[in-house]
Each structure stands twice: as C-alpha cells, then as structure tokens.
Protein backbone atom coordinates (compact mmCIF):
# COMPACT_ATOMS: atom_id res chain seq x y z
CA MET A 1 -63.13 -7.33 79.82
CA ASN A 2 -65.56 -8.71 77.25
CA ASN A 3 -64.54 -10.09 73.87
CA LYS A 4 -65.80 -7.01 72.01
CA LYS A 5 -63.43 -4.71 73.92
CA LYS A 6 -60.52 -7.14 73.44
CA TRP A 7 -61.04 -7.19 69.67
CA LEU A 8 -61.28 -3.39 69.62
CA ILE A 9 -57.92 -3.08 71.41
CA VAL A 10 -56.30 -5.56 69.03
CA LEU A 11 -57.68 -3.65 66.06
CA ILE A 12 -56.37 -0.31 67.35
CA VAL A 13 -52.88 -1.72 68.03
CA SER A 14 -52.77 -3.29 64.55
CA VAL A 15 -53.73 -0.02 62.89
CA VAL A 16 -51.06 1.90 64.84
CA ILE A 17 -48.35 -0.60 63.86
CA PHE A 18 -49.47 -0.43 60.22
CA VAL A 19 -49.38 3.38 60.17
CA ILE A 20 -45.91 3.46 61.78
CA SER A 21 -44.60 1.00 59.18
CA ILE A 22 -45.97 3.03 56.27
CA VAL A 23 -44.52 6.27 57.65
CA SER A 24 -41.10 4.66 58.13
CA ILE A 25 -41.04 3.39 54.55
CA MET A 26 -42.06 6.78 53.16
CA LEU A 27 -39.40 8.59 55.17
CA SER A 28 -36.69 6.22 53.97
CA LEU A 29 -37.75 6.76 50.37
CA ILE A 30 -37.82 10.53 50.75
CA SER A 31 -34.52 10.92 52.58
CA GLY A 32 -32.47 8.20 50.89
CA GLU A 33 -30.28 8.59 47.82
CA GLU A 34 -31.38 7.14 44.52
CA PRO A 35 -30.82 3.38 44.45
CA VAL A 36 -27.93 1.86 42.56
CA ASP A 37 -28.91 0.02 39.37
CA GLN A 38 -29.89 -3.47 40.48
CA TYR A 39 -27.51 -4.89 37.88
CA TYR A 40 -24.57 -3.64 39.94
CA ALA A 41 -25.98 -3.54 43.47
CA SER A 42 -24.78 -7.02 44.46
CA SER A 43 -21.17 -5.92 44.00
CA ILE A 44 -21.32 -3.42 46.88
CA ARG A 45 -20.93 -4.50 50.50
CA ASN A 46 -21.33 -1.09 52.08
CA THR A 47 -21.54 2.24 50.28
CA SER A 48 -20.80 4.35 53.35
CA LEU A 49 -17.30 5.74 53.74
CA SER A 50 -15.32 4.95 56.86
CA THR A 51 -12.87 7.27 58.57
CA SER A 52 -9.48 5.84 59.45
CA SER A 53 -6.60 6.53 61.78
CA GLU A 54 -2.98 5.57 61.25
CA ASP A 55 -3.55 2.32 63.15
CA VAL A 56 -7.02 1.30 61.93
CA LEU A 57 -7.73 1.00 58.23
CA PRO A 58 -11.34 0.89 57.01
CA ASP A 59 -12.77 -1.92 54.93
CA ASN A 60 -13.05 -1.25 51.23
CA PRO A 61 -16.79 -1.05 50.41
CA ILE A 62 -16.28 -2.68 47.01
CA ASP A 63 -15.70 -6.42 46.71
CA PHE A 64 -13.14 -6.47 43.91
CA THR A 65 -12.48 -10.18 44.38
CA LYS A 66 -16.08 -10.89 43.50
CA LEU A 67 -16.00 -8.49 40.57
CA HIS A 68 -12.81 -9.99 39.15
CA LYS A 69 -14.44 -13.41 39.03
CA ASN A 70 -16.69 -12.01 36.32
CA ASN A 71 -14.22 -9.74 34.55
CA THR A 72 -10.63 -8.79 35.36
CA ASP A 73 -11.03 -5.63 33.26
CA ILE A 74 -12.91 -4.10 36.20
CA TYR A 75 -10.25 -2.15 38.07
CA ALA A 76 -12.09 0.63 39.92
CA TRP A 77 -15.50 1.87 41.01
CA ILE A 78 -16.96 5.38 40.76
CA ARG A 79 -19.64 6.83 43.01
CA ILE A 80 -21.12 10.35 43.01
CA PRO A 81 -23.61 11.06 45.81
CA ASN A 82 -27.03 12.39 44.78
CA THR A 83 -26.66 11.01 41.27
CA LYS A 84 -27.15 7.55 39.78
CA VAL A 85 -23.42 7.26 39.09
CA ASP A 86 -22.45 4.16 41.08
CA TYR A 87 -20.66 1.82 38.68
CA PRO A 88 -17.53 -0.21 38.05
CA ILE A 89 -14.86 1.32 35.82
CA LEU A 90 -13.35 -0.92 33.15
CA GLN A 91 -10.35 -0.83 30.85
CA SER A 92 -9.71 -3.50 28.28
CA TYR A 93 -6.13 -4.71 28.05
CA LYS A 94 -6.80 -7.09 25.11
CA GLU A 95 -9.35 -5.31 22.95
CA ASN A 96 -9.45 -1.81 21.42
CA ASP A 97 -9.76 1.33 23.55
CA ASN A 98 -13.50 1.70 22.98
CA TYR A 99 -14.37 -1.94 23.53
CA TYR A 100 -16.71 -1.11 26.42
CA ILE A 101 -18.52 1.71 24.65
CA ARG A 102 -21.22 -0.85 23.73
CA ARG A 103 -20.49 -3.73 26.11
CA ASP A 104 -21.49 -4.31 29.72
CA LEU A 105 -19.23 -5.45 32.54
CA ASN A 106 -19.74 -9.08 31.46
CA LYS A 107 -18.60 -8.24 27.90
CA ASN A 108 -22.09 -8.70 26.50
CA LYS A 109 -23.27 -6.27 23.81
CA SER A 110 -25.19 -3.42 25.41
CA THR A 111 -26.54 -0.10 24.17
CA ALA A 112 -25.66 1.49 27.51
CA GLY A 113 -22.12 0.15 27.44
CA SER A 114 -20.00 0.61 30.58
CA ILE A 115 -18.07 3.31 32.39
CA TYR A 116 -14.53 2.96 31.06
CA THR A 117 -11.10 4.47 30.50
CA GLN A 118 -8.59 4.02 27.70
CA LYS A 119 -5.10 2.53 27.73
CA LYS A 120 -3.50 5.96 27.65
CA ASN A 121 -4.48 6.20 31.33
CA SER A 122 -2.83 4.08 34.02
CA LEU A 123 -4.93 1.92 36.33
CA ASP A 124 -3.90 3.65 39.57
CA PHE A 125 -5.15 7.19 38.77
CA SER A 126 -1.61 8.54 38.99
CA ASP A 127 -1.82 10.39 35.67
CA PRO A 128 -2.20 14.17 35.62
CA ASN A 129 -5.63 13.73 34.02
CA THR A 130 -7.67 10.52 34.00
CA LEU A 131 -10.46 10.61 31.43
CA ILE A 132 -13.56 8.51 32.24
CA TYR A 133 -16.24 7.90 29.61
CA GLY A 134 -19.91 7.04 30.01
CA HIS A 135 -23.09 7.30 27.91
CA ASN A 136 -25.87 9.77 28.63
CA MET A 137 -28.74 7.27 28.66
CA SER A 138 -32.37 8.40 28.38
CA ASN A 139 -33.35 6.16 31.32
CA GLY A 140 -30.99 8.08 33.61
CA SER A 141 -28.32 5.39 33.84
CA MET A 142 -24.57 5.57 33.26
CA PHE A 143 -23.44 9.24 33.09
CA ALA A 144 -26.86 10.75 32.38
CA THR A 145 -27.19 12.32 35.84
CA LEU A 146 -23.92 14.22 35.40
CA MET A 147 -26.25 16.74 33.76
CA ARG A 148 -27.39 17.72 37.24
CA PHE A 149 -24.14 19.65 37.57
CA LYS A 150 -25.53 22.11 35.01
CA ASN A 151 -27.73 23.39 37.83
CA GLU A 152 -25.80 25.98 39.82
CA ASP A 153 -27.47 25.07 43.11
CA PHE A 154 -26.77 21.34 42.63
CA PHE A 155 -23.18 22.13 41.67
CA LYS A 156 -22.65 24.18 44.83
CA LYS A 157 -24.11 21.53 47.14
CA ASN A 158 -22.46 18.46 45.61
CA ARG A 159 -18.70 18.61 45.85
CA TYR A 160 -17.30 15.09 45.83
CA VAL A 161 -16.60 12.11 43.60
CA TYR A 162 -15.36 8.86 45.13
CA ILE A 163 -13.14 6.40 43.29
CA TYR A 164 -12.58 3.00 44.88
CA LEU A 165 -9.52 0.92 44.04
CA PRO A 166 -8.23 -2.25 45.67
CA GLY A 167 -6.59 -0.89 48.82
CA HIS A 168 -7.59 2.74 48.30
CA ILE A 169 -10.46 5.22 48.39
CA LEU A 170 -9.77 8.37 46.37
CA THR A 171 -11.81 11.51 47.05
CA TYR A 172 -12.04 14.21 44.39
CA GLU A 173 -13.53 17.67 44.74
CA VAL A 174 -15.61 18.71 41.74
CA PHE A 175 -14.23 22.05 40.57
CA ALA A 176 -15.80 22.52 37.13
CA ALA A 177 -18.60 21.29 34.88
CA TYR A 178 -18.98 22.64 31.37
CA LEU A 179 -19.70 22.05 27.71
CA TYR A 180 -16.64 21.28 25.57
CA ASP A 181 -15.78 20.27 22.03
CA ASP A 182 -15.23 16.67 21.01
CA ARG A 183 -11.44 16.65 20.79
CA HIS A 184 -9.62 13.72 22.40
CA ILE A 185 -8.38 15.47 25.54
CA LEU A 186 -5.63 12.97 26.30
CA ASN A 187 -4.18 13.31 22.80
CA ALA A 188 -4.72 17.06 22.48
CA PHE A 189 -2.43 18.06 25.37
CA ASN A 190 1.06 16.98 26.41
CA TYR A 191 0.57 16.63 30.15
CA SER A 192 4.24 15.79 30.71
CA ASP A 193 5.09 19.36 29.70
CA GLU A 194 4.60 21.43 32.85
CA LYS A 195 3.83 24.64 30.95
CA ILE A 196 1.21 22.97 28.79
CA TYR A 197 -0.38 21.23 31.77
CA SER A 198 -0.42 24.48 33.73
CA ARG A 199 -2.17 26.28 30.87
CA TYR A 200 -4.63 23.42 30.52
CA LEU A 201 -5.53 23.57 34.23
CA GLU A 202 -6.05 27.30 33.91
CA SER A 203 -8.42 26.73 31.00
CA CYS A 204 -10.39 24.23 33.12
CA LEU A 205 -10.89 26.88 35.80
CA HIS A 206 -11.99 29.40 33.16
CA PRO A 207 -13.91 27.45 30.51
CA LYS A 208 -15.06 29.45 27.50
CA SER A 209 -18.42 27.70 27.30
CA MET A 210 -21.58 29.57 28.20
CA VAL A 211 -22.77 26.33 29.82
CA ARG A 212 -20.47 26.15 32.82
CA ASN A 213 -20.15 26.04 36.59
CA VAL A 214 -16.84 26.58 38.37
CA ARG A 215 -16.27 26.26 42.11
CA LYS A 216 -15.01 29.43 43.71
CA GLY A 217 -11.84 29.26 45.78
CA VAL A 218 -10.34 26.22 44.04
CA SER A 219 -6.79 26.55 42.71
CA LEU A 220 -4.85 23.96 40.73
CA THR A 221 -1.13 23.31 40.34
CA ILE A 222 0.92 21.05 38.08
CA ASN A 223 1.27 18.62 41.00
CA ASP A 224 -2.49 18.02 41.16
CA LYS A 225 -4.15 14.91 39.77
CA ILE A 226 -7.54 15.45 38.17
CA ILE A 227 -10.30 13.32 36.69
CA THR A 228 -12.46 14.31 33.74
CA LEU A 229 -15.85 12.62 33.37
CA SER A 230 -17.06 12.85 29.78
CA THR A 231 -20.50 12.25 28.26
CA CYS A 232 -22.65 13.49 25.36
CA PRO A 233 -25.04 16.40 25.94
CA THR A 234 -28.33 15.26 24.42
CA TRP A 235 -29.81 18.75 24.43
CA TYR A 236 -27.44 19.70 21.58
CA GLY A 237 -28.69 16.93 19.34
CA ASN A 238 -26.04 15.55 17.00
CA GLU A 239 -23.52 18.36 17.45
CA PRO A 240 -20.02 17.01 18.27
CA LEU A 241 -19.85 18.27 21.84
CA ARG A 242 -19.12 16.77 25.24
CA TYR A 243 -20.25 17.63 28.75
CA LEU A 244 -17.37 17.41 31.22
CA VAL A 245 -17.35 17.20 35.00
CA GLN A 246 -13.89 17.59 36.51
CA GLY A 247 -12.54 16.95 39.98
CA VAL A 248 -9.18 17.28 41.73
CA LEU A 249 -7.77 14.66 44.08
CA ILE A 250 -7.94 15.87 47.68
CA LYS A 251 -7.65 12.62 49.64
CA ASP A 252 -6.12 9.17 49.17
CA GLU A 253 -7.28 6.88 51.95
CA ARG A 254 -5.74 3.44 52.36
CA THR A 255 -8.06 0.51 53.08
CA LYS A 256 -7.68 -3.08 54.17
C-alpha cells in the first residue's frame, strides 16, 4: 500500500471520529436537562435519585457537610426536573426572616437573593404547609422557571418536586399552580385548626384565579404535608400578586 492510500485511510478515519464526537455532543445537549447554575453545581455529587430497599439506603446526592462549611443556614436543597430550580434552601436563625431576600448563600449582597424559608416553618418540613420563597429573575434563575407551570401541557407532564435534607429525600407531587394575592399565607391561616386547614386545602384544589392549573385526581386531607413555592409574576407588573406552585408529600426516603 503506497503512502497516498495510507494517508487517505487516516483522513477518512479521522473524519468519522470527528463526526461521531460532534453528534454525541449534540445529542447530549438536546436530551439533557438544563444545567444547574455553575455557582451551585459544585455542591452536588449526583443529581440522580436512587431507589432503596429496607436493607440498602441510597447515598444522599447533596453534600451538606461541604455546604455547611460555607454557611450553616443552608438546611435543604430543592430540585424540580425540567426547570432551572436546583438550589440550596436557607433559613436564617440570627437575622430577620427576609435576610436572604437579597443575599446569596455566602451572605453576600445579591439582587437574585437565595431560595429561603422563614422561622415560622420548621427545618424538617413537618409543618402542614412549608412556604418557600424565590425571586423571578429575568435571566431565568431562582424561581423564574416556575412560570412554566402556567402551561397546561408542562403542568401535566411535570409532576414532582424533590427536597433533599440530611438523611432524607422528600418527593412532592405538584397538584396546583396559580396566581394568588400577596397575603402572608403562614400568618393568614391557623393550620393547627383542622377545620381551617381543611378549608384551606380545599381552596388550593379550587383556586379562584383565572391563571391556574390543578392536577386531576389529587385529593388532600388534614394529615397531608404540603409545600408552597412563591414568586412574583412579572407579567402583572407592579401589582401585589404572587405565583404559587404547590405540592403534597408522597414519599419520604431515608438516605445514608
């Protein structure tokens, strides 16, 4: 075989390898979920959920030990597939309730703030309703992509919210997403009163807003634990309204 044929073979093989590499990269970009903000990505070991039996507990995908070295106010992590919501949840035990509304997870001043809860909620998600706040940022970060639940098709296809705690993975089923007024939900209702909580749950399943999606077939009882994700709807300008996405706890999985 002369040198000309050898070089031709080498060239053909190189082109094939190059094409395969490009195709593989494009497929991964098309099929993969949106990447986590790089600011937070180093805190995740593995974002895939593991199944567990009674004898084998899965690893927790969030390295809370690493996170606590930066800030002990980080107590949980929230992830919603097919959105950009993949962030730590903070609650300040020294500062005021809205300390993280304009501060990042390192306590630096930030327009985007952090995903956070207030002291009225416990840190183990055992309350009847845990209210989680986040800004609707124009760059799509924080709770901006909650707006995707306005789309009926997206709402139908995306059912779950995952909350990670040290030793636990909590799975919530999204049952409603709707526009609401700006009242402080935790102060407006006495959740310890079973009748009031029952009526509140009923109102969540039948929101009065014209901007709403509710999952068919979901029923709620006073024994259920729910989460309410709250952000500002930018399409209503400066009107005092909130966009809420709510889920009910359906699984509490222990981890190592």
